[in-house]
């Protein structure tokens, strides 16, 4: 049987994000706080899948959906957008995954619920398809699968882009450094990188991580992003946008960076793509603006015009 070919495969759980914006203050126990706006939008793995699909890459989403309201909402959305569903398994039971997000200009908080347990990846799963890149959206769920993934017969044919997501792991967690040493690109945000390594500044954290990961990208929110590959260190600022909701900004950055990386662009250009897609994603609830290829290329070429003055 001929394997289906993809540019990027993204395993992971969907989320329906219930986004509360325009809050006067951070919610606290015993106090009612009212938002000025609310929307329910697709979230989780949807963010990088939707952006990469919009930019013309062939993307496979490997995940499970159920027969519940939230699963149906997500499936209707991704089908309307022409996202490939060949790797999606639809189960005849509830598979609710949702998150309530209270979002501010430069940070957000979540209360989340996942009904189904995480489904580990096996080497047989990976051998089902041909892909140029496997994008792993969270460290806590996927790092223990890396041994299995690296056993796949087609492992030499694709790169692994490992996102972090907030978790309680550190470099002292048994086996974590060895697992990360098998990925090609590691992309935590600044808070995650500092927590993971125990360092107090991003420069020391990225230098440490680059000792065992060939390319490390750290997303620094409104301060932009920094990447280190061997002796090369590149920084780019963030773009100027009217921030509405920061939910999914890191996932959106990953999509832009990866799009440029797979096209063979320079490290600085990849960071610019990431800064633009990440920034534009904050201009509305959930994903905000998904740029077309034409708009993205124009903004990259005129990057300085769109960046925050440093």
C-alpha atoms as a PDB file:
ATOM      1  CA  UNK A   1       0.000   0.000   0.000  1.00  0.00           C
ATOM      2  CA  UNK A   2       1.289   3.443  -0.944  1.00  0.00           C
ATOM      3  CA  UNK A   3       1.942   5.640   2.085  1.00  0.00           C
ATOM      4  CA  UNK A   4       0.390   9.089   2.182  1.00  0.00           C
ATOM      5  CA  UNK A   5       2.998  11.850   1.916  1.00  0.00           C
ATOM      6  CA  UNK A   6       3.028  14.924   4.124  1.00  0.00           C
ATOM      7  CA  UNK A   7       5.263  17.919   4.643  1.00  0.00           C
ATOM      8  CA  UNK A   8       4.432  17.947   8.361  1.00  0.00           C
ATOM      9  CA  UNK A   9       2.638  15.513  10.656  1.00  0.00           C
ATOM     10  CA  UNK A  10       1.352  16.813  14.000  1.00  0.00           C
ATOM     11  CA  UNK A  11       0.121  14.315  16.603  1.00  0.00           C
ATOM     12  CA  UNK A  12      -1.908  15.481  19.529  1.00  0.00           C
ATOM     13  CA  UNK A  13      -5.174  16.457  21.126  1.00  0.00           C
ATOM     14  CA  UNK A  14      -7.619  19.048  19.869  1.00  0.00           C
ATOM     15  CA  UNK A  15      -8.934  21.690  22.235  1.00  0.00           C
ATOM     16  CA  UNK A  16     -11.953  23.917  22.108  1.00  0.00           C
ATOM     17  CA  UNK A  17     -10.699  27.159  23.610  1.00  0.00           C
ATOM     18  CA  UNK A  18     -13.277  29.250  25.458  1.00  0.00           C
ATOM     19  CA  UNK A  19     -11.509  32.601  25.404  1.00  0.00           C
ATOM     20  CA  UNK A  20     -12.419  35.376  27.839  1.00  0.00           C
ATOM     21  CA  UNK A  21     -10.898  38.752  26.906  1.00  0.00           C
ATOM     22  CA  UNK A  22     -11.221  42.307  28.177  1.00  0.00           C
ATOM     23  CA  UNK A  23     -10.921  41.245  31.815  1.00  0.00           C
ATOM     24  CA  UNK A  24     -10.340  44.088  34.303  1.00  0.00           C
ATOM     25  CA  UNK A  25      -8.076  41.916  36.465  1.00  0.00           C
ATOM     26  CA  UNK A  26      -6.774  38.372  36.949  1.00  0.00           C
ATOM     27  CA  UNK A  27      -9.521  36.068  38.319  1.00  0.00           C
ATOM     28  CA  UNK A  28      -9.220  35.065  41.961  1.00  0.00           C
ATOM     29  CA  UNK A  29     -11.138  32.837  44.342  1.00  0.00           C
ATOM     30  CA  UNK A  30     -14.277  34.303  45.874  1.00  0.00           C
ATOM     31  CA  UNK A  31     -14.591  37.128  43.356  1.00  0.00           C
ATOM     32  CA  UNK A  32     -16.728  37.525  40.229  1.00  0.00           C
ATOM     33  CA  UNK A  33     -14.880  38.975  37.246  1.00  0.00           C
ATOM     34  CA  UNK A  34     -16.694  39.778  34.004  1.00  0.00           C
ATOM     35  CA  UNK A  35     -15.044  39.754  30.574  1.00  0.00           C
ATOM     36  CA  UNK A  36     -16.084  42.227  27.896  1.00  0.00           C
ATOM     37  CA  UNK A  37     -15.826  39.579  25.156  1.00  0.00           C
ATOM     38  CA  UNK A  38     -16.034  35.807  24.788  1.00  0.00           C
ATOM     39  CA  UNK A  39     -15.588  33.357  21.924  1.00  0.00           C
ATOM     40  CA  UNK A  40     -15.244  29.607  21.546  1.00  0.00           C
ATOM     41  CA  UNK A  41     -12.539  28.869  18.988  1.00  0.00           C
ATOM     42  CA  UNK A  42     -10.522  25.852  17.801  1.00  0.00           C
ATOM     43  CA  UNK A  43      -7.299  25.326  19.747  1.00  0.00           C
ATOM     44  CA  UNK A  44      -4.542  22.895  20.653  1.00  0.00           C
ATOM     45  CA  UNK A  45      -2.927  21.174  17.680  1.00  0.00           C
ATOM     46  CA  UNK A  46      -5.275  23.138  15.415  1.00  0.00           C
ATOM     47  CA  UNK A  47      -3.047  26.232  15.565  1.00  0.00           C
ATOM     48  CA  UNK A  48       0.049  24.966  13.713  1.00  0.00           C
ATOM     49  CA  UNK A  49      -2.041  22.663  11.477  1.00  0.00           C
ATOM     50  CA  UNK A  50      -4.288  25.494  10.283  1.00  0.00           C
ATOM     51  CA  UNK A  51      -1.427  27.915   9.587  1.00  0.00           C
ATOM     52  CA  UNK A  52       0.739  25.399   7.736  1.00  0.00           C
ATOM     53  CA  UNK A  53      -2.289  24.274   5.729  1.00  0.00           C
ATOM     54  CA  UNK A  54      -3.123  27.887   4.836  1.00  0.00           C
ATOM     55  CA  UNK A  55       0.469  28.387   3.644  1.00  0.00           C
ATOM     56  CA  UNK A  56       0.142  25.476   1.244  1.00  0.00           C
ATOM     57  CA  UNK A  57       1.949  22.659   3.036  1.00  0.00           C
ATOM     58  CA  UNK A  58       0.463  19.169   3.193  1.00  0.00           C
ATOM     59  CA  UNK A  59      -0.265  18.634   6.884  1.00  0.00           C
ATOM     60  CA  UNK A  60      -1.464  15.485   8.642  1.00  0.00           C
ATOM     61  CA  UNK A  61      -3.130  15.710  12.026  1.00  0.00           C
ATOM     62  CA  UNK A  62      -2.773  12.419  13.907  1.00  0.00           C
ATOM     63  CA  UNK A  63      -5.354  12.445  16.659  1.00  0.00           C
ATOM     64  CA  UNK A  64      -8.647  11.195  17.984  1.00  0.00           C
ATOM     65  CA  UNK A  65     -12.088  12.796  18.029  1.00  0.00           C
ATOM     66  CA  UNK A  66     -15.375  11.581  19.494  1.00  0.00           C
ATOM     67  CA  UNK A  67     -19.121  12.038  19.006  1.00  0.00           C
ATOM     68  CA  UNK A  68     -19.501  14.867  21.533  1.00  0.00           C
ATOM     69  CA  UNK A  69     -20.352  18.519  20.815  1.00  0.00           C
ATOM     70  CA  UNK A  70     -16.750  19.747  21.050  1.00  0.00           C
ATOM     71  CA  UNK A  71     -15.400  17.025  18.740  1.00  0.00           C
ATOM     72  CA  UNK A  72     -18.106  17.789  16.172  1.00  0.00           C
ATOM     73  CA  UNK A  73     -17.353  21.515  16.367  1.00  0.00           C
ATOM     74  CA  UNK A  74     -13.682  20.865  15.661  1.00  0.00           C
ATOM     75  CA  UNK A  75     -14.290  18.356  12.879  1.00  0.00           C
ATOM     76  CA  UNK A  76     -16.714  20.714  11.118  1.00  0.00           C
ATOM     77  CA  UNK A  77     -14.143  23.505  11.323  1.00  0.00           C
ATOM     78  CA  UNK A  78     -11.183  21.573   9.960  1.00  0.00           C
ATOM     79  CA  UNK A  79     -13.240  20.032   7.163  1.00  0.00           C
ATOM     80  CA  UNK A  80     -14.476  23.471   6.113  1.00  0.00           C
ATOM     81  CA  UNK A  81     -10.860  24.640   5.938  1.00  0.00           C
ATOM     82  CA  UNK A  82      -9.776  21.700   3.781  1.00  0.00           C
ATOM     83  CA  UNK A  83      -7.435  20.215   6.380  1.00  0.00           C
ATOM     84  CA  UNK A  84      -6.498  16.592   5.731  1.00  0.00           C
ATOM     85  CA  UNK A  85      -8.284  14.183   8.087  1.00  0.00           C
ATOM     86  CA  UNK A  86      -6.775  10.908   6.862  1.00  0.00           C
ATOM     87  CA  UNK A  87      -4.804  10.337  10.079  1.00  0.00           C
ATOM     88  CA  UNK A  88      -7.712  11.253  12.364  1.00  0.00           C
ATOM     89  CA  UNK A  89      -9.580   8.500  14.175  1.00  0.00           C
ATOM     90  CA  UNK A  90     -13.236   9.187  15.036  1.00  0.00           C
ATOM     91  CA  UNK A  91     -14.545   7.163  17.979  1.00  0.00           C
ATOM     92  CA  UNK A  92     -18.177   6.463  18.868  1.00  0.00           C
ATOM     93  CA  UNK A  93     -17.877   7.955  22.333  1.00  0.00           C
ATOM     94  CA  UNK A  94     -17.267  11.242  24.044  1.00  0.00           C
ATOM     95  CA  UNK A  95     -13.762  12.734  23.620  1.00  0.00           C
ATOM     96  CA  UNK A  96     -14.147  16.176  25.180  1.00  0.00           C
ATOM     97  CA  UNK A  97     -11.077  18.443  25.271  1.00  0.00           C
ATOM     98  CA  UNK A  98     -11.593  22.054  26.267  1.00  0.00           C
ATOM     99  CA  UNK A  99      -9.832  24.965  27.912  1.00  0.00           C
ATOM    100  CA  UNK A 100     -11.139  28.159  29.470  1.00  0.00           C
ATOM    101  CA  UNK A 101      -8.604  30.894  28.739  1.00  0.00           C
ATOM    102  CA  UNK A 102      -8.424  34.272  30.450  1.00  0.00           C
ATOM    103  CA  UNK A 103      -6.182  36.342  28.259  1.00  0.00           C
ATOM    104  CA  UNK A 104      -4.260  39.561  28.780  1.00  0.00           C
ATOM    105  CA  UNK A 105      -1.933  41.510  26.493  1.00  0.00           C
ATOM    106  CA  UNK A 106       1.270  39.585  27.214  1.00  0.00           C
ATOM    107  CA  UNK A 107       0.138  36.515  29.145  1.00  0.00           C
ATOM    108  CA  UNK A 108      -2.787  34.177  29.678  1.00  0.00           C
ATOM    109  CA  UNK A 109      -3.996  31.485  32.018  1.00  0.00           C
ATOM    110  CA  UNK A 110      -5.952  28.288  31.416  1.00  0.00           C
ATOM    111  CA  UNK A 111      -8.269  25.888  33.133  1.00  0.00           C
ATOM    112  CA  UNK A 112      -8.287  22.752  30.978  1.00  0.00           C
ATOM    113  CA  UNK A 113     -10.037  19.401  30.794  1.00  0.00           C
ATOM    114  CA  UNK A 114      -9.155  16.367  28.677  1.00  0.00           C
ATOM    115  CA  UNK A 115     -11.557  13.457  28.845  1.00  0.00           C
ATOM    116  CA  UNK A 116      -9.471  10.857  27.031  1.00  0.00           C
ATOM    117  CA  UNK A 117      -6.004   9.742  28.145  1.00  0.00           C
ATOM    118  CA  UNK A 118      -2.990  10.657  26.031  1.00  0.00           C
ATOM    119  CA  UNK A 119      -2.372   8.083  23.286  1.00  0.00           C
ATOM    120  CA  UNK A 120       1.368   7.222  23.063  1.00  0.00           C
ATOM    121  CA  UNK A 121       3.078   7.162  19.663  1.00  0.00           C
ATOM    122  CA  UNK A 122       4.730   3.960  18.464  1.00  0.00           C
ATOM    123  CA  UNK A 123       7.232   3.320  15.708  1.00  0.00           C
ATOM    124  CA  UNK A 124       4.412   1.561  13.819  1.00  0.00           C
ATOM    125  CA  UNK A 125       2.395   4.798  13.950  1.00  0.00           C
ATOM    126  CA  UNK A 126       5.309   6.716  12.444  1.00  0.00           C
ATOM    127  CA  UNK A 127       5.821   4.143   9.706  1.00  0.00           C
ATOM    128  CA  UNK A 128       2.220   4.688   8.509  1.00  0.00           C
ATOM    129  CA  UNK A 129       3.194   7.794   6.538  1.00  0.00           C
ATOM    130  CA  UNK A 130       6.017   9.642   4.794  1.00  0.00           C
ATOM    131  CA  UNK A 131       6.739  13.092   6.155  1.00  0.00           C
ATOM    132  CA  UNK A 132       9.474  15.716   6.106  1.00  0.00           C
ATOM    133  CA  UNK A 133       8.835  16.786   9.689  1.00  0.00           C
ATOM    134  CA  UNK A 134       7.194  15.462  12.838  1.00  0.00           C
ATOM    135  CA  UNK A 135       6.026  18.364  14.986  1.00  0.00           C
ATOM    136  CA  UNK A 136       5.588  17.250  18.611  1.00  0.00           C
ATOM    137  CA  UNK A 137       3.396  19.849  20.341  1.00  0.00           C
ATOM    138  CA  UNK A 138       4.271  19.123  23.983  1.00  0.00           C
ATOM    139  CA  UNK A 139       7.280  17.841  25.873  1.00  0.00           C
ATOM    140  CA  UNK A 140       5.462  16.235  28.799  1.00  0.00           C
ATOM    141  CA  UNK A 141       3.307  13.987  26.605  1.00  0.00           C
ATOM    142  CA  UNK A 142       5.815  13.136  23.899  1.00  0.00           C
ATOM    143  CA  UNK A 143       9.342  12.997  25.321  1.00  0.00           C
ATOM    144  CA  UNK A 144       8.900   9.430  26.540  1.00  0.00           C
ATOM    145  CA  UNK A 145       7.815   8.448  23.000  1.00  0.00           C
ATOM    146  CA  UNK A 146      11.057   9.666  21.433  1.00  0.00           C
ATOM    147  CA  UNK A 147      12.779   6.307  21.892  1.00  0.00           C
ATOM    148  CA  UNK A 148       9.941   4.611  20.010  1.00  0.00           C
ATOM    149  CA  UNK A 149       9.886   7.304  17.317  1.00  0.00           C
ATOM    150  CA  UNK A 150      13.610   6.939  16.726  1.00  0.00           C
ATOM    151  CA  UNK A 151      13.158   3.197  16.174  1.00  0.00           C
ATOM    152  CA  UNK A 152      10.965   3.856  13.116  1.00  0.00           C
ATOM    153  CA  UNK A 153      12.417   2.588   9.842  1.00  0.00           C
ATOM    154  CA  UNK A 154      11.790   5.966   8.202  1.00  0.00           C
ATOM    155  CA  UNK A 155      13.337   8.067  11.019  1.00  0.00           C
ATOM    156  CA  UNK A 156      16.178   9.304   8.784  1.00  0.00           C
ATOM    157  CA  UNK A 157      13.608  10.776   6.379  1.00  0.00           C
ATOM    158  CA  UNK A 158      12.185  13.428   8.717  1.00  0.00           C
ATOM    159  CA  UNK A 159      13.222  15.970  11.328  1.00  0.00           C
ATOM    160  CA  UNK A 160      11.674  16.245  14.781  1.00  0.00           C
ATOM    161  CA  UNK A 161      10.528  19.690  15.891  1.00  0.00           C
ATOM    162  CA  UNK A 162       9.862  19.474  19.641  1.00  0.00           C
ATOM    163  CA  UNK A 163       7.671  22.099  21.303  1.00  0.00           C
ATOM    164  CA  UNK A 164       7.850  22.363  25.099  1.00  0.00           C
ATOM    165  CA  UNK A 165       4.571  23.557  26.684  1.00  0.00           C
ATOM    166  CA  UNK A 166       4.564  24.312  30.389  1.00  0.00           C
ATOM    167  CA  UNK A 167       5.268  21.263  32.558  1.00  0.00           C
ATOM    168  CA  UNK A 168       7.132  20.191  35.679  1.00  0.00           C
ATOM    169  CA  UNK A 169      10.069  18.564  33.908  1.00  0.00           C
ATOM    170  CA  UNK A 170      13.655  19.776  34.319  1.00  0.00           C
ATOM    171  CA  UNK A 171      16.960  18.705  32.814  1.00  0.00           C
ATOM    172  CA  UNK A 172      17.466  16.661  35.975  1.00  0.00           C
ATOM    173  CA  UNK A 173      14.403  14.506  35.184  1.00  0.00           C
ATOM    174  CA  UNK A 174      15.797  11.006  34.480  1.00  0.00           C
ATOM    175  CA  UNK A 175      16.155  10.380  30.766  1.00  0.00           C
ATOM    176  CA  UNK A 176      14.988  13.820  29.592  1.00  0.00           C
ATOM    177  CA  UNK A 177      18.340  15.093  28.292  1.00  0.00           C
ATOM    178  CA  UNK A 178      18.959  11.805  26.489  1.00  0.00           C
ATOM    179  CA  UNK A 179      15.520  12.039  24.859  1.00  0.00           C
ATOM    180  CA  UNK A 180      15.979  15.674  23.814  1.00  0.00           C
ATOM    181  CA  UNK A 181      19.328  14.751  22.282  1.00  0.00           C
ATOM    182  CA  UNK A 182      17.398  12.831  19.611  1.00  0.00           C
ATOM    183  CA  UNK A 183      15.377  15.832  18.360  1.00  0.00           C
ATOM    184  CA  UNK A 184      16.517  18.254  15.665  1.00  0.00           C
ATOM    185  CA  UNK A 185      14.829  21.465  16.834  1.00  0.00           C
ATOM    186  CA  UNK A 186      13.688  22.331  20.367  1.00  0.00           C
ATOM    187  CA  UNK A 187      11.435  25.366  20.796  1.00  0.00           C
ATOM    188  CA  UNK A 188      10.425  26.309  24.364  1.00  0.00           C
ATOM    189  CA  UNK A 189       9.315  29.765  25.371  1.00  0.00           C
ATOM    190  CA  UNK A 190      11.462  31.838  27.718  1.00  0.00           C
ATOM    191  CA  UNK A 191       9.696  30.831  30.949  1.00  0.00           C
ATOM    192  CA  UNK A 192       9.783  27.164  29.956  1.00  0.00           C
ATOM    193  CA  UNK A 193      13.472  27.293  29.029  1.00  0.00           C
ATOM    194  CA  UNK A 194      14.414  28.909  32.348  1.00  0.00           C
ATOM    195  CA  UNK A 195      12.327  26.473  34.358  1.00  0.00           C
ATOM    196  CA  UNK A 196      13.654  23.498  32.418  1.00  0.00           C
ATOM    197  CA  UNK A 197      17.330  24.424  32.800  1.00  0.00           C
ATOM    198  CA  UNK A 198      17.324  26.252  36.131  1.00  0.00           C
ATOM    199  CA  UNK A 199      19.140  29.254  34.658  1.00  0.00           C
ATOM    200  CA  UNK A 200      18.025  32.830  35.327  1.00  0.00           C
ATOM    201  CA  UNK A 201      18.624  34.268  31.840  1.00  0.00           C
ATOM    202  CA  UNK A 202      17.808  33.154  28.336  1.00  0.00           C
ATOM    203  CA  UNK A 203      21.403  33.354  27.081  1.00  0.00           C
ATOM    204  CA  UNK A 204      22.657  30.760  29.554  1.00  0.00           C
ATOM    205  CA  UNK A 205      19.585  28.574  29.022  1.00  0.00           C
ATOM    206  CA  UNK A 206      19.922  28.482  25.238  1.00  0.00           C
ATOM    207  CA  UNK A 207      23.669  27.811  25.438  1.00  0.00           C
ATOM    208  CA  UNK A 208      23.043  24.856  27.759  1.00  0.00           C
ATOM    209  CA  UNK A 209      20.238  23.382  25.624  1.00  0.00           C
ATOM    210  CA  UNK A 210      22.300  23.759  22.457  1.00  0.00           C
ATOM    211  CA  UNK A 211      24.907  21.422  23.950  1.00  0.00           C
ATOM    212  CA  UNK A 212      22.647  18.483  23.145  1.00  0.00           C
ATOM    213  CA  UNK A 213      20.034  19.837  20.669  1.00  0.00           C
ATOM    214  CA  UNK A 214      21.446  21.026  17.296  1.00  0.00           C
ATOM    215  CA  UNK A 215      19.031  23.960  16.947  1.00  0.00           C
ATOM    216  CA  UNK A 216      17.309  25.664  19.886  1.00  0.00           C
ATOM    217  CA  UNK A 217      14.689  28.378  19.404  1.00  0.00           C
ATOM    218  CA  UNK A 218      13.381  30.299  22.426  1.00  0.00           C
ATOM    219  CA  UNK A 219      10.254  32.426  22.085  1.00  0.00           C
ATOM    220  CA  UNK A 220      10.376  35.529  24.286  1.00  0.00           C
ATOM    221  CA  UNK A 221       6.918  37.034  23.716  1.00  0.00           C
ATOM    222  CA  UNK A 222       6.988  40.801  23.277  1.00  0.00           C
ATOM    223  CA  UNK A 223      10.821  40.666  23.342  1.00  0.00           C
ATOM    224  CA  UNK A 224      10.934  38.589  20.154  1.00  0.00           C
ATOM    225  CA  UNK A 225      12.867  35.357  19.782  1.00  0.00           C
ATOM    226  CA  UNK A 226      16.403  33.980  19.900  1.00  0.00           C
ATOM    227  CA  UNK A 227      17.909  30.931  18.207  1.00  0.00           C
ATOM    228  CA  UNK A 228      21.240  29.161  18.564  1.00  0.00           C
ATOM    229  CA  UNK A 229      22.703  26.661  16.124  1.00  0.00           C
ATOM    230  CA  UNK A 230      26.312  25.818  16.893  1.00  0.00           C
ATOM    231  CA  UNK A 231      28.232  29.083  17.103  1.00  0.00           C
ATOM    232  CA  UNK A 232      25.463  31.034  15.362  1.00  0.00           C
ATOM    233  CA  UNK A 233      23.143  33.076  17.590  1.00  0.00           C
ATOM    234  CA  UNK A 234      20.347  35.116  15.994  1.00  0.00           C
ATOM    235  CA  UNK A 235      17.798  37.406  17.621  1.00  0.00           C
ATOM    236  CA  UNK A 236      14.727  39.043  16.116  1.00  0.00           C
ATOM    237  CA  UNK A 237      12.283  41.473  17.733  1.00  0.00           C
ATOM    238  CA  UNK A 238       8.527  40.999  17.926  1.00  0.00           C
ATOM    239  CA  UNK A 239       6.229  42.715  15.432  1.00  0.00           C
ATOM    240  CA  UNK A 240       3.952  45.611  16.363  1.00  0.00           C
ATOM    241  CA  UNK A 241       0.343  44.446  16.713  1.00  0.00           C
ATOM    242  CA  UNK A 242      -2.774  45.302  18.674  1.00  0.00           C
ATOM    243  CA  UNK A 243      -2.793  42.338  21.061  1.00  0.00           C
ATOM    244  CA  UNK A 244      -6.221  40.868  21.838  1.00  0.00           C
ATOM    245  CA  UNK A 245      -5.426  37.303  22.917  1.00  0.00           C
ATOM    246  CA  UNK A 246      -2.047  35.582  23.288  1.00  0.00           C
ATOM    247  CA  UNK A 247      -3.504  32.052  23.303  1.00  0.00           C
ATOM    248  CA  UNK A 248      -1.686  29.931  20.721  1.00  0.00           C
ATOM    249  CA  UNK A 249       0.977  32.527  19.899  1.00  0.00           C
ATOM    250  CA  UNK A 250       3.813  30.052  20.501  1.00  0.00           C
ATOM    251  CA  UNK A 251       2.163  27.379  18.358  1.00  0.00           C
ATOM    252  CA  UNK A 252       1.652  29.945  15.615  1.00  0.00           C
ATOM    253  CA  UNK A 253       5.314  30.993  15.839  1.00  0.00           C
ATOM    254  CA  UNK A 254       6.301  27.338  15.404  1.00  0.00           C
ATOM    255  CA  UNK A 255       4.260  27.101  12.206  1.00  0.00           C
ATOM    256  CA  UNK A 256       5.849  30.161  10.626  1.00  0.00           C
ATOM    257  CA  UNK A 257       9.359  29.161  11.636  1.00  0.00           C
ATOM    258  CA  UNK A 258       8.890  25.616  10.374  1.00  0.00           C
ATOM    259  CA  UNK A 259       7.383  26.757   7.071  1.00  0.00           C
ATOM    260  CA  UNK A 260      10.501  28.810   6.334  1.00  0.00           C
ATOM    261  CA  UNK A 261      12.853  26.124   7.660  1.00  0.00           C
ATOM    262  CA  UNK A 262      11.429  23.463   5.354  1.00  0.00           C
ATOM    263  CA  UNK A 263      11.846  25.901   2.462  1.00  0.00           C
ATOM    264  CA  UNK A 264      15.595  26.066   3.209  1.00  0.00           C
ATOM    265  CA  UNK A 265      15.605  29.649   4.500  1.00  0.00           C
ATOM    266  CA  UNK A 266      18.328  31.163   6.664  1.00  0.00           C
ATOM    267  CA  UNK A 267      17.949  31.000  10.447  1.00  0.00           C
ATOM    268  CA  UNK A 268      17.210  34.728  10.648  1.00  0.00           C
ATOM    269  CA  UNK A 269      14.526  34.442   7.982  1.00  0.00           C
ATOM    270  CA  UNK A 270      12.953  31.509   9.829  1.00  0.00           C
ATOM    271  CA  UNK A 271      12.796  33.604  12.999  1.00  0.00           C
ATOM    272  CA  UNK A 272      11.176  36.444  11.077  1.00  0.00           C
ATOM    273  CA  UNK A 273       8.490  34.134   9.735  1.00  0.00           C
ATOM    274  CA  UNK A 274       7.867  32.856  13.247  1.00  0.00           C
ATOM    275  CA  UNK A 275       7.696  36.349  14.725  1.00  0.00           C
ATOM    276  CA  UNK A 276       5.131  37.391  12.124  1.00  0.00           C
ATOM    277  CA  UNK A 277       2.829  34.372  12.392  1.00  0.00           C
ATOM    278  CA  UNK A 278       3.108  34.423  16.174  1.00  0.00           C
ATOM    279  CA  UNK A 279       2.377  38.141  16.335  1.00  0.00           C
ATOM    280  CA  UNK A 280      -0.562  38.065  13.925  1.00  0.00           C
ATOM    281  CA  UNK A 281      -2.138  35.219  15.888  1.00  0.00           C
ATOM    282  CA  UNK A 282      -2.604  37.550  18.878  1.00  0.00           C
ATOM    283  CA  UNK A 283      -4.775  40.057  16.980  1.00  0.00           C
ATOM    284  CA  UNK A 284      -8.034  38.198  17.703  1.00  0.00           C
ATOM    285  CA  UNK A 285      -9.459  35.498  19.972  1.00  0.00           C
ATOM    286  CA  UNK A 286      -7.833  32.115  19.410  1.00  0.00           C
ATOM    287  CA  UNK A 287      -5.829  32.059  16.222  1.00  0.00           C
ATOM    288  CA  UNK A 288      -6.417  35.667  15.198  1.00  0.00           C
ATOM    289  CA  UNK A 289      -5.121  36.326  11.686  1.00  0.00           C
ATOM    290  CA  UNK A 290      -3.790  33.482   9.549  1.00  0.00           C
ATOM    291  CA  UNK A 291      -1.652  35.178   6.904  1.00  0.00           C
ATOM    292  CA  UNK A 292      -1.673  34.194   3.274  1.00  0.00           C
ATOM    293  CA  UNK A 293       1.661  33.293   1.698  1.00  0.00           C
ATOM    294  CA  UNK A 294       1.630  36.622  -0.198  1.00  0.00           C
ATOM    295  CA  UNK A 295       1.071  38.693   2.963  1.00  0.00           C
ATOM    296  CA  UNK A 296       3.641  36.743   4.928  1.00  0.00           C
ATOM    297  CA  UNK A 297       6.294  37.157   2.230  1.00  0.00           C
ATOM    298  CA  UNK A 298       5.610  40.898   2.024  1.00  0.00           C
ATOM    299  CA  UNK A 299       5.913  41.310   5.796  1.00  0.00           C
ATOM    300  CA  UNK A 300       9.162  39.324   5.901  1.00  0.00           C
ATOM    301  CA  UNK A 301      10.659  41.513   3.166  1.00  0.00           C
ATOM    302  CA  UNK A 302       9.659  44.649   5.104  1.00  0.00           C
ATOM    303  CA  UNK A 303      10.286  43.175   8.534  1.00  0.00           C
ATOM    304  CA  UNK A 304      11.858  46.240  10.138  1.00  0.00           C
ATOM    305  CA  UNK A 305       8.748  48.276   9.345  1.00  0.00           C
ATOM    306  CA  UNK A 306       6.612  45.882  11.384  1.00  0.00           C
ATOM    307  CA  UNK A 307       8.842  45.358  14.418  1.00  0.00           C
ATOM    308  CA  UNK A 308       8.725  46.823  17.878  1.00  0.00           C
ATOM    309  CA  UNK A 309      11.378  49.464  18.449  1.00  0.00           C
ATOM    310  CA  UNK A 310      14.042  48.055  20.766  1.00  0.00           C
END
